[in-house]
Amino acid sequence: MESLYWSKSSSIATRQALGLPHADAMTEGSSPHPYYPLGANIVGYSPNEASLLELLVTAGGSCAILLGLTFAVASYVRPTLHAADRIAILWFVLCMTSPCP
């Protein structure tokens, strides 16, 4: 009767047959990554070198500049717009420029 669980040797053989390296055999030039399968070699992967604070300041500054320019243009083009309409325009611009799926 065959075992329900794969042994380590059969798992390694299966990964080699599929062309995937196993976790014990990382290639020399590859850097470790947080993606599964952990042993997979991701060509061109480089870990993030920026700190969290740097990323937040860059994203926040970019949003502030974009929304500030949008507010200025909307106020110049239509100076009689109500505050709710200006906020709706800013929300539209923010949603259309955010890289969310």
PDB file of N, CA and C in Angstrom:
ATOM      1  N   MET A   1       0.833  -1.178   0.000  1.00  0.00           N
ATOM      2  CA  MET A   1       0.000   0.000   0.000  1.00  0.00           C
ATOM      3  C   MET A   1       0.876   1.239   0.000  1.00  0.00           C
ATOM      4  N   GLU A   2       0.564   2.177  -0.877  1.00  0.00           N
ATOM      5  CA  GLU A   2       1.350   3.394  -1.019  1.00  0.00           C
ATOM      6  C   GLU A   2       1.038   4.372   0.100  1.00  0.00           C
ATOM      7  N   SER A   3       2.044   5.091   0.515  1.00  0.00           N
ATOM      8  CA  SER A   3       1.861   6.066   1.580  1.00  0.00           C
ATOM      9  C   SER A   3       1.103   7.286   1.050  1.00  0.00           C
ATOM     10  N   LEU A   4       0.295   7.880   1.924  1.00  0.00           N
ATOM     11  CA  LEU A   4      -0.440   9.065   1.531  1.00  0.00           C
ATOM     12  C   LEU A   4       0.441  10.305   1.502  1.00  0.00           C
ATOM     13  N   TYR A   5       1.552  10.259   2.157  1.00  0.00           N
ATOM     14  CA  TYR A   5       2.444  11.409   2.247  1.00  0.00           C
ATOM     15  C   TYR A   5       3.658  11.204   1.355  1.00  0.00           C
ATOM     16  N   TRP A   6       4.105  12.291   0.743  1.00  0.00           N
ATOM     17  CA  TRP A   6       5.297  12.220  -0.089  1.00  0.00           C
ATOM     18  C   TRP A   6       6.523  12.235   0.793  1.00  0.00           C
ATOM     19  N   SER A   7       7.494  11.487   0.401  1.00  0.00           N
ATOM     20  CA  SER A   7       8.761  11.565   1.124  1.00  0.00           C
ATOM     21  C   SER A   7       9.558  12.739   0.575  1.00  0.00           C
ATOM     22  N   LYS A   8      10.578  13.146   1.321  1.00  0.00           N
ATOM     23  CA  LYS A   8      11.389  14.290   0.903  1.00  0.00           C
ATOM     24  C   LYS A   8      12.079  14.013  -0.428  1.00  0.00           C
ATOM     25  N   SER A   9      12.548  12.778  -0.629  1.00  0.00           N
ATOM     26  CA  SER A   9      13.257  12.462  -1.871  1.00  0.00           C
ATOM     27  C   SER A   9      12.318  12.508  -3.071  1.00  0.00           C
ATOM     28  N   SER A  10      11.075  12.053  -2.911  1.00  0.00           N
ATOM     29  CA  SER A  10      10.154  12.111  -4.048  1.00  0.00           C
ATOM     30  C   SER A  10       9.733  13.549  -4.327  1.00  0.00           C
ATOM     31  N   SER A  11       9.633  14.389  -3.282  1.00  0.00           N
ATOM     32  CA  SER A  11       9.304  15.795  -3.475  1.00  0.00           C
ATOM     33  C   SER A  11      10.414  16.510  -4.235  1.00  0.00           C
ATOM     34  N   ILE A  12      11.657  16.234  -3.874  1.00  0.00           N
ATOM     35  CA  ILE A  12      12.804  16.841  -4.563  1.00  0.00           C
ATOM     36  C   ILE A  12      12.850  16.368  -6.013  1.00  0.00           C
ATOM     37  N   ALA A  13      12.591  15.084  -6.230  1.00  0.00           N
ATOM     38  CA  ALA A  13      12.599  14.550  -7.594  1.00  0.00           C
ATOM     39  C   ALA A  13      11.494  15.190  -8.432  1.00  0.00           C
ATOM     40  N   THR A  14      10.328  15.388  -7.845  1.00  0.00           N
ATOM     41  CA  THR A  14       9.225  16.023  -8.566  1.00  0.00           C
ATOM     42  C   THR A  14       9.576  17.462  -8.914  1.00  0.00           C
ATOM     43  N   ARG A  15      10.154  18.201  -7.969  1.00  0.00           N
ATOM     44  CA  ARG A  15      10.535  19.593  -8.223  1.00  0.00           C
ATOM     45  C   ARG A  15      11.603  19.665  -9.313  1.00  0.00           C
ATOM     46  N   GLN A  16      12.554  18.723  -9.297  1.00  0.00           N
ATOM     47  CA  GLN A  16      13.582  18.718 -10.328  1.00  0.00           C
ATOM     48  C   GLN A  16      12.988  18.373 -11.685  1.00  0.00           C
ATOM     49  N   ALA A  17      12.009  17.484 -11.715  1.00  0.00           N
ATOM     50  CA  ALA A  17      11.356  17.122 -12.974  1.00  0.00           C
ATOM     51  C   ALA A  17      10.599  18.302 -13.556  1.00  0.00           C
ATOM     52  N   LEU A  18      10.065  19.158 -12.688  1.00  0.00           N
ATOM     53  CA  LEU A  18       9.359  20.354 -13.146  1.00  0.00           C
ATOM     54  C   LEU A  18      10.297  21.512 -13.441  1.00  0.00           C
ATOM     55  N   GLY A  19      11.581  21.333 -13.148  1.00  0.00           N
ATOM     56  CA  GLY A  19      12.540  22.401 -13.397  1.00  0.00           C
ATOM     57  C   GLY A  19      12.612  23.429 -12.277  1.00  0.00           C
ATOM     58  N   LEU A  20      12.070  23.098 -11.095  1.00  0.00           N
ATOM     59  CA  LEU A  20      12.094  24.008  -9.960  1.00  0.00           C
ATOM     60  C   LEU A  20      13.150  23.552  -8.967  1.00  0.00           C
ATOM     61  N   PRO A  21      13.980  24.462  -8.468  1.00  0.00           N
ATOM     62  CA  PRO A  21      14.943  24.052  -7.454  1.00  0.00           C
ATOM     63  C   PRO A  21      14.248  23.821  -6.124  1.00  0.00           C
ATOM     64  N   HIS A  22      14.779  22.929  -5.318  1.00  0.00           N
ATOM     65  CA  HIS A  22      14.209  22.734  -3.992  1.00  0.00           C
ATOM     66  C   HIS A  22      14.880  23.674  -3.007  1.00  0.00           C
ATOM     67  N   ALA A  23      14.299  23.826  -1.839  1.00  0.00           N
ATOM     68  CA  ALA A  23      14.750  24.826  -0.868  1.00  0.00           C
ATOM     69  C   ALA A  23      16.178  24.581  -0.403  1.00  0.00           C
ATOM     70  N   ASP A  24      16.645  23.331  -0.446  1.00  0.00           N
ATOM     71  CA  ASP A  24      18.001  23.030   0.004  1.00  0.00           C
ATOM     72  C   ASP A  24      19.045  23.339  -1.058  1.00  0.00           C
ATOM     73  N   ALA A  25      18.615  23.628  -2.274  1.00  0.00           N
ATOM     74  CA  ALA A  25      19.556  23.807  -3.379  1.00  0.00           C
ATOM     75  C   ALA A  25      19.351  25.149  -4.068  1.00  0.00           C
ATOM     76  N   MET A  26      19.448  26.222  -3.324  1.00  0.00           N
ATOM     77  CA  MET A  26      19.335  27.555  -3.926  1.00  0.00           C
ATOM     78  C   MET A  26      20.566  27.789  -4.799  1.00  0.00           C
ATOM     79  N   THR A  27      20.376  28.435  -5.908  1.00  0.00           N
ATOM     80  CA  THR A  27      21.495  28.707  -6.789  1.00  0.00           C
ATOM     81  C   THR A  27      22.384  29.782  -6.191  1.00  0.00           C
ATOM     82  N   GLU A  28      23.597  29.853  -6.631  1.00  0.00           N
ATOM     83  CA  GLU A  28      24.610  30.732  -6.047  1.00  0.00           C
ATOM     84  C   GLU A  28      24.245  32.209  -6.145  1.00  0.00           C
ATOM     85  N   GLY A  29      23.789  32.691  -7.303  1.00  0.00           N
ATOM     86  CA  GLY A  29      23.559  34.113  -7.510  1.00  0.00           C
ATOM     87  C   GLY A  29      22.170  34.608  -7.128  1.00  0.00           C
ATOM     88  N   SER A  30      21.284  33.736  -6.696  1.00  0.00           N
ATOM     89  CA  SER A  30      19.922  34.178  -6.400  1.00  0.00           C
ATOM     90  C   SER A  30      19.839  34.723  -4.981  1.00  0.00           C
ATOM     91  N   SER A  31      18.949  35.701  -4.802  1.00  0.00           N
ATOM     92  CA  SER A  31      18.752  36.254  -3.464  1.00  0.00           C
ATOM     93  C   SER A  31      17.477  35.679  -2.883  1.00  0.00           C
ATOM     94  N   PRO A  32      17.413  35.488  -1.568  1.00  0.00           N
ATOM     95  CA  PRO A  32      16.203  34.930  -0.970  1.00  0.00           C
ATOM     96  C   PRO A  32      15.026  35.892  -1.114  1.00  0.00           C
ATOM     97  N   HIS A  33      13.845  35.341  -1.242  1.00  0.00           N
ATOM     98  CA  HIS A  33      12.641  36.148  -1.435  1.00  0.00           C
ATOM     99  C   HIS A  33      11.539  35.629  -0.522  1.00  0.00           C
ATOM    100  N   PRO A  34      10.513  36.453  -0.241  1.00  0.00           N
ATOM    101  CA  PRO A  34       9.437  36.033   0.649  1.00  0.00           C
ATOM    102  C   PRO A  34       8.273  35.346  -0.051  1.00  0.00           C
ATOM    103  N   TYR A  35       8.411  34.983  -1.313  1.00  0.00           N
ATOM    104  CA  TYR A  35       7.310  34.428  -2.091  1.00  0.00           C
ATOM    105  C   TYR A  35       7.384  32.913  -2.116  1.00  0.00           C
ATOM    106  N   TYR A  36       6.214  32.277  -2.250  1.00  0.00           N
ATOM    107  CA  TYR A  36       6.155  30.821  -2.291  1.00  0.00           C
ATOM    108  C   TYR A  36       6.111  30.342  -3.719  1.00  0.00           C
ATOM    109  N   PRO A  37       6.729  29.263  -4.052  1.00  0.00           N
ATOM    110  CA  PRO A  37       7.554  28.412  -3.206  1.00  0.00           C
ATOM    111  C   PRO A  37       8.881  29.096  -2.889  1.00  0.00           C
ATOM    112  N   LEU A  38       9.328  28.927  -1.656  1.00  0.00           N
ATOM    113  CA  LEU A  38      10.517  29.630  -1.190  1.00  0.00           C
ATOM    114  C   LEU A  38      11.773  29.265  -1.977  1.00  0.00           C
ATOM    115  N   GLY A  39      11.845  28.073  -2.492  1.00  0.00           N
ATOM    116  CA  GLY A  39      13.028  27.639  -3.210  1.00  0.00           C
ATOM    117  C   GLY A  39      13.072  28.056  -4.669  1.00  0.00           C
ATOM    118  N   ALA A  40      12.016  28.679  -5.174  1.00  0.00           N
ATOM    119  CA  ALA A  40      11.962  29.046  -6.587  1.00  0.00           C
ATOM    120  C   ALA A  40      12.954  30.163  -6.880  1.00  0.00           C
ATOM    121  N   ASN A  41      13.574  30.094  -8.026  1.00  0.00           N
ATOM    122  CA  ASN A  41      14.518  31.119  -8.446  1.00  0.00           C
ATOM    123  C   ASN A  41      13.750  32.172  -9.243  1.00  0.00           C
ATOM    124  N   ILE A  42      13.667  33.387  -8.719  1.00  0.00           N
ATOM    125  CA  ILE A  42      12.970  34.471  -9.399  1.00  0.00           C
ATOM    126  C   ILE A  42      14.019  35.333 -10.093  1.00  0.00           C
ATOM    127  N   VAL A  43      14.016  35.298 -11.398  1.00  0.00           N
ATOM    128  CA  VAL A  43      15.009  36.024 -12.184  1.00  0.00           C
ATOM    129  C   VAL A  43      14.757  37.526 -12.041  1.00  0.00           C
ATOM    130  N   GLY A  44      15.784  38.274 -11.714  1.00  0.00           N
ATOM    131  CA  GLY A  44      15.682  39.721 -11.610  1.00  0.00           C
ATOM    132  C   GLY A  44      15.148  40.232 -10.289  1.00  0.00           C
ATOM    133  N   TYR A  45      14.890  39.349  -9.314  1.00  0.00           N
ATOM    134  CA  TYR A  45      14.371  39.801  -8.024  1.00  0.00           C
ATOM    135  C   TYR A  45      15.477  40.492  -7.242  1.00  0.00           C
ATOM    136  N   SER A  46      15.154  41.639  -6.703  1.00  0.00           N
ATOM    137  CA  SER A  46      16.067  42.308  -5.770  1.00  0.00           C
ATOM    138  C   SER A  46      15.232  42.812  -4.601  1.00  0.00           C
ATOM    139  N   PRO A  47      15.694  42.598  -3.388  1.00  0.00           N
ATOM    140  CA  PRO A  47      14.913  43.014  -2.227  1.00  0.00           C
ATOM    141  C   PRO A  47      14.810  44.533  -2.134  1.00  0.00           C
ATOM    142  N   ASN A  48      13.771  45.007  -1.472  1.00  0.00           N
ATOM    143  CA  ASN A  48      13.550  46.433  -1.296  1.00  0.00           C
ATOM    144  C   ASN A  48      14.666  47.021  -0.437  1.00  0.00           C
ATOM    145  N   GLU A  49      15.237  48.125  -0.877  1.00  0.00           N
ATOM    146  CA  GLU A  49      16.329  48.756  -0.135  1.00  0.00           C
ATOM    147  C   GLU A  49      15.876  50.026   0.576  1.00  0.00           C
ATOM    148  N   ALA A  50      14.667  50.498   0.324  1.00  0.00           N
ATOM    149  CA  ALA A  50      14.165  51.720   0.957  1.00  0.00           C
ATOM    150  C   ALA A  50      13.491  51.374   2.281  1.00  0.00           C
ATOM    151  N   SER A  51      13.604  52.290   3.235  1.00  0.00           N
ATOM    152  CA  SER A  51      12.949  52.079   4.528  1.00  0.00           C
ATOM    153  C   SER A  51      11.458  52.401   4.403  1.00  0.00           C
ATOM    154  N   LEU A  52      10.696  51.959   5.388  1.00  0.00           N
ATOM    155  CA  LEU A  52       9.260  52.218   5.389  1.00  0.00           C
ATOM    156  C   LEU A  52       8.988  53.716   5.455  1.00  0.00           C
ATOM    157  N   LEU A  53       9.750  54.432   6.273  1.00  0.00           N
ATOM    158  CA  LEU A  53       9.564  55.877   6.397  1.00  0.00           C
ATOM    159  C   LEU A  53       9.817  56.578   5.063  1.00  0.00           C
ATOM    160  N   GLU A  54      10.839  56.149   4.349  1.00  0.00           N
ATOM    161  CA  GLU A  54      11.146  56.740   3.042  1.00  0.00           C
ATOM    162  C   GLU A  54      10.020  56.497   2.041  1.00  0.00           C
ATOM    163  N   LEU A  55       9.470  55.298   2.048  1.00  0.00           N
ATOM    164  CA  LEU A  55       8.362  54.987   1.145  1.00  0.00           C
ATOM    165  C   LEU A  55       7.120  55.804   1.487  1.00  0.00           C
ATOM    166  N   LEU A  56       6.805  55.934   2.787  1.00  0.00           N
ATOM    167  CA  LEU A  56       5.634  56.705   3.199  1.00  0.00           C
ATOM    168  C   LEU A  56       5.784  58.189   2.890  1.00  0.00           C
ATOM    169  N   VAL A  57       6.979  58.738   3.100  1.00  0.00           N
ATOM    170  CA  VAL A  57       7.209  60.160   2.806  1.00  0.00           C
ATOM    171  C   VAL A  57       7.092  60.417   1.305  1.00  0.00           C
ATOM    172  N   THR A  58       7.643  59.524   0.500  1.00  0.00           N
ATOM    173  CA  THR A  58       7.563  59.676  -0.953  1.00  0.00           C
ATOM    174  C   THR A  58       6.119  59.592  -1.440  1.00  0.00           C
ATOM    175  N   ALA A  59       5.377  58.600  -0.969  1.00  0.00           N
ATOM    176  CA  ALA A  59       3.983  58.447  -1.392  1.00  0.00           C
ATOM    177  C   ALA A  59       3.123  59.604  -0.884  1.00  0.00           C
ATOM    178  N   GLY A  60       3.313  59.993   0.352  1.00  0.00           N
ATOM    179  CA  GLY A  60       2.537  61.098   0.910  1.00  0.00           C
ATOM    180  C   GLY A  60       2.839  62.422   0.233  1.00  0.00           C
ATOM    181  N   GLY A  61       4.115  62.671  -0.045  1.00  0.00           N
ATOM    182  CA  GLY A  61       4.487  63.899  -0.748  1.00  0.00           C
ATOM    183  C   GLY A  61       3.936  63.943  -2.162  1.00  0.00           C
ATOM    184  N   SER A  62       3.983  62.807  -2.841  1.00  0.00           N
ATOM    185  CA  SER A  62       3.434  62.741  -4.200  1.00  0.00           C
ATOM    186  C   SER A  62       1.933  63.010  -4.204  1.00  0.00           C
ATOM    187  N   CYS A  63       1.220  62.406  -3.249  1.00  0.00           N
ATOM    188  CA  CYS A  63      -0.231  62.640  -3.156  1.00  0.00           C
ATOM    189  C   CYS A  63      -0.524  64.101  -2.828  1.00  0.00           C
ATOM    190  N   ALA A  64       0.254  64.692  -1.916  1.00  0.00           N
ATOM    191  CA  ALA A  64       0.025  66.087  -1.533  1.00  0.00           C
ATOM    192  C   ALA A  64       0.241  67.026  -2.718  1.00  0.00           C
ATOM    193  N   ILE A  65       1.298  66.785  -3.494  1.00  0.00           N
ATOM    194  CA  ILE A  65       1.567  67.621  -4.670  1.00  0.00           C
ATOM    195  C   ILE A  65       0.454  67.456  -5.701  1.00  0.00           C
ATOM    196  N   LEU A  66       0.081  66.211  -5.987  1.00  0.00           N
ATOM    197  CA  LEU A  66      -0.966  65.946  -6.972  1.00  0.00           C
ATOM    198  C   LEU A  66      -2.301  66.580  -6.566  1.00  0.00           C
ATOM    199  N   LEU A  67      -2.697  66.363  -5.319  1.00  0.00           N
ATOM    200  CA  LEU A  67      -3.977  66.896  -4.869  1.00  0.00           C
ATOM    201  C   LEU A  67      -3.941  68.420  -4.722  1.00  0.00           C
ATOM    202  N   GLY A  68      -2.796  68.964  -4.351  1.00  0.00           N
ATOM    203  CA  GLY A  68      -2.662  70.418  -4.281  1.00  0.00           C
ATOM    204  C   GLY A  68      -2.800  71.067  -5.645  1.00  0.00           C
ATOM    205  N   LEU A  69      -2.129  70.479  -6.641  1.00  0.00           N
ATOM    206  CA  LEU A  69      -2.250  71.002  -8.010  1.00  0.00           C
ATOM    207  C   LEU A  69      -3.678  70.856  -8.541  1.00  0.00           C
ATOM    208  N   THR A  70      -4.301  69.722  -8.250  1.00  0.00           N
ATOM    209  CA  THR A  70      -5.681  69.516  -8.686  1.00  0.00           C
ATOM    210  C   THR A  70      -6.613  70.536  -8.042  1.00  0.00           C
ATOM    211  N   PHE A  71      -6.439  70.776  -6.751  1.00  0.00           N
ATOM    212  CA  PHE A  71      -7.266  71.750  -6.053  1.00  0.00           C
ATOM    213  C   PHE A  71      -7.069  73.149  -6.634  1.00  0.00           C
ATOM    214  N   ALA A  72      -5.801  73.499  -6.933  1.00  0.00           N
ATOM    215  CA  ALA A  72      -5.520  74.821  -7.495  1.00  0.00           C
ATOM    216  C   ALA A  72      -6.141  74.985  -8.879  1.00  0.00           C
ATOM    217  N   VAL A  73      -6.027  73.971  -9.721  1.00  0.00           N
ATOM    218  CA  VAL A  73      -6.604  74.047 -11.066  1.00  0.00           C
ATOM    219  C   VAL A  73      -8.131  74.095 -10.992  1.00  0.00           C
ATOM    220  N   ALA A  74      -8.729  73.279 -10.144  1.00  0.00           N
ATOM    221  CA  ALA A  74     -10.192  73.291 -10.012  1.00  0.00           C
ATOM    222  C   ALA A  74     -10.675  74.637  -9.485  1.00  0.00           C
ATOM    223  N   SER A  75      -9.947  75.217  -8.554  1.00  0.00           N
ATOM    224  CA  SER A  75     -10.336  76.529  -8.015  1.00  0.00           C
ATOM    225  C   SER A  75     -10.163  77.636  -9.040  1.00  0.00           C
ATOM    226  N   TYR A  76      -9.151  77.516  -9.895  1.00  0.00           N
ATOM    227  CA  TYR A  76      -8.909  78.530 -10.925  1.00  0.00           C
ATOM    228  C   TYR A  76      -9.958  78.435 -12.033  1.00  0.00           C
ATOM    229  N   VAL A  77     -10.259  77.205 -12.464  1.00  0.00           N
ATOM    230  CA  VAL A  77     -11.197  77.006 -13.562  1.00  0.00           C
ATOM    231  C   VAL A  77     -12.626  77.319 -13.118  1.00  0.00           C
ATOM    232  N   ARG A  78     -13.025  76.875 -11.931  1.00  0.00           N
ATOM    233  CA  ARG A  78     -14.381  77.085 -11.413  1.00  0.00           C
ATOM    234  C   ARG A  78     -14.301  77.650  -9.991  1.00  0.00           C
ATOM    235  N   PRO A  79     -14.114  78.949  -9.845  1.00  0.00           N
ATOM    236  CA  PRO A  79     -13.985  79.507  -8.492  1.00  0.00           C
ATOM    237  C   PRO A  79     -15.273  79.432  -7.668  1.00  0.00           C
ATOM    238  N   THR A  80     -16.404  79.162  -8.292  1.00  0.00           N
ATOM    239  CA  THR A  80     -17.666  79.111  -7.559  1.00  0.00           C
ATOM    240  C   THR A  80     -18.047  77.708  -7.094  1.00  0.00           C
ATOM    241  N   LEU A  81     -17.156  76.742  -7.241  1.00  0.00           N
ATOM    242  CA  LEU A  81     -17.466  75.369  -6.818  1.00  0.00           C
ATOM    243  C   LEU A  81     -17.634  75.307  -5.303  1.00  0.00           C
ATOM    244  N   HIS A  82     -18.581  74.510  -4.874  1.00  0.00           N
ATOM    245  CA  HIS A  82     -18.783  74.281  -3.452  1.00  0.00           C
ATOM    246  C   HIS A  82     -17.682  73.355  -2.923  1.00  0.00           C
ATOM    247  N   ALA A  83     -17.484  73.358  -1.629  1.00  0.00           N
ATOM    248  CA  ALA A  83     -16.444  72.531  -1.005  1.00  0.00           C
ATOM    249  C   ALA A  83     -16.686  71.041  -1.271  1.00  0.00           C
ATOM    250  N   ALA A  84     -17.934  70.605  -1.235  1.00  0.00           N
ATOM    251  CA  ALA A  84     -18.244  69.194  -1.496  1.00  0.00           C
ATOM    252  C   ALA A  84     -17.852  68.794  -2.917  1.00  0.00           C
ATOM    253  N   ASP A  85     -18.046  69.681  -3.869  1.00  0.00           N
ATOM    254  CA  ASP A  85     -17.656  69.389  -5.257  1.00  0.00           C
ATOM    255  C   ASP A  85     -16.143  69.317  -5.397  1.00  0.00           C
ATOM    256  N   ARG A  86     -15.425  70.197  -4.724  1.00  0.00           N
ATOM    257  CA  ARG A  86     -13.951  70.152  -4.771  1.00  0.00           C
ATOM    258  C   ARG A  86     -13.426  68.874  -4.130  1.00  0.00           C
ATOM    259  N   ILE A  87     -14.023  68.475  -3.030  1.00  0.00           N
ATOM    260  CA  ILE A  87     -13.611  67.223  -2.376  1.00  0.00           C
ATOM    261  C   ILE A  87     -13.910  66.036  -3.285  1.00  0.00           C
ATOM    262  N   ALA A  88     -15.031  66.054  -3.990  1.00  0.00           N
ATOM    263  CA  ALA A  88     -15.359  64.976  -4.934  1.00  0.00           C
ATOM    264  C   ALA A  88     -14.340  64.912  -6.062  1.00  0.00           C
ATOM    265  N   ILE A  89     -13.892  66.065  -6.549  1.00  0.00           N
ATOM    266  CA  ILE A  89     -12.871  66.094  -7.604  1.00  0.00           C
ATOM    267  C   ILE A  89     -11.559  65.514  -7.079  1.00  0.00           C
ATOM    268  N   LEU A  90     -11.165  65.900  -5.866  1.00  0.00           N
ATOM    269  CA  LEU A  90      -9.928  65.377  -5.274  1.00  0.00           C
ATOM    270  C   LEU A  90     -10.026  63.861  -5.069  1.00  0.00           C
ATOM    271  N   TRP A  91     -11.178  63.395  -4.607  1.00  0.00           N
ATOM    272  CA  TRP A  91     -11.370  61.959  -4.411  1.00  0.00           C
ATOM    273  C   TRP A  91     -11.278  61.206  -5.742  1.00  0.00           C
ATOM    274  N   PHE A  92     -11.870  61.750  -6.795  1.00  0.00           N
ATOM    275  CA  PHE A  92     -11.809  61.136  -8.118  1.00  0.00           C
ATOM    276  C   PHE A  92     -10.367  61.041  -8.599  1.00  0.00           C
ATOM    277  N   VAL A  93      -9.616  62.133  -8.479  1.00  0.00           N
ATOM    278  CA  VAL A  93      -8.213  62.133  -8.916  1.00  0.00           C
ATOM    279  C   VAL A  93      -7.392  61.152  -8.096  1.00  0.00           C
ATOM    280  N   LEU A  94      -7.611  61.117  -6.793  1.00  0.00           N
ATOM    281  CA  LEU A  94      -6.869  60.183  -5.929  1.00  0.00           C
ATOM    282  C   LEU A  94      -7.163  58.737  -6.309  1.00  0.00           C
ATOM    283  N   CYS A  95      -8.414  58.426  -6.533  1.00  0.00           N
ATOM    284  CA  CYS A  95      -8.791  57.041  -6.893  1.00  0.00           C
ATOM    285  C   CYS A  95      -8.273  56.647  -8.271  1.00  0.00           C
ATOM    286  N   MET A  96      -8.272  57.579  -9.197  1.00  0.00           N
ATOM    287  CA  MET A  96      -7.822  57.247 -10.571  1.00  0.00           C
ATOM    288  C   MET A  96      -6.308  57.125 -10.673  1.00  0.00           C
ATOM    289  N   THR A  97      -5.562  57.690  -9.736  1.00  0.00           N
ATOM    290  CA  THR A  97      -4.104  57.623  -9.818  1.00  0.00           C
ATOM    291  C   THR A  97      -3.517  56.628  -8.842  1.00  0.00           C
ATOM    292  N   SER A  98      -4.326  55.998  -8.004  1.00  0.00           N
ATOM    293  CA  SER A  98      -3.831  55.011  -7.043  1.00  0.00           C
ATOM    294  C   SER A  98      -3.641  53.673  -7.739  1.00  0.00           C
ATOM    295  N   PRO A  99      -2.511  53.021  -7.508  1.00  0.00           N
ATOM    296  CA  PRO A  99      -2.260  51.729  -8.171  1.00  0.00           C
ATOM    297  C   PRO A  99      -2.891  50.574  -7.417  1.00  0.00           C
ATOM    298  N   CYS A 100      -4.200  50.575  -7.308  1.00  0.00           N
ATOM    299  CA  CYS A 100      -4.921  49.480  -6.637  1.00  0.00           C
ATOM    300  C   CYS A 100      -5.594  48.610  -7.697  1.00  0.00           C
ATOM    301  N   PRO A 101      -5.670  47.292  -7.431  1.00  0.00           N
ATOM    302  CA  PRO A 101      -6.305  46.417  -8.421  1.00  0.00           C
ATOM    303  C   PRO A 101      -7.789  46.597  -8.511  1.00  0.00           C
TER     304      PRO A 101
END
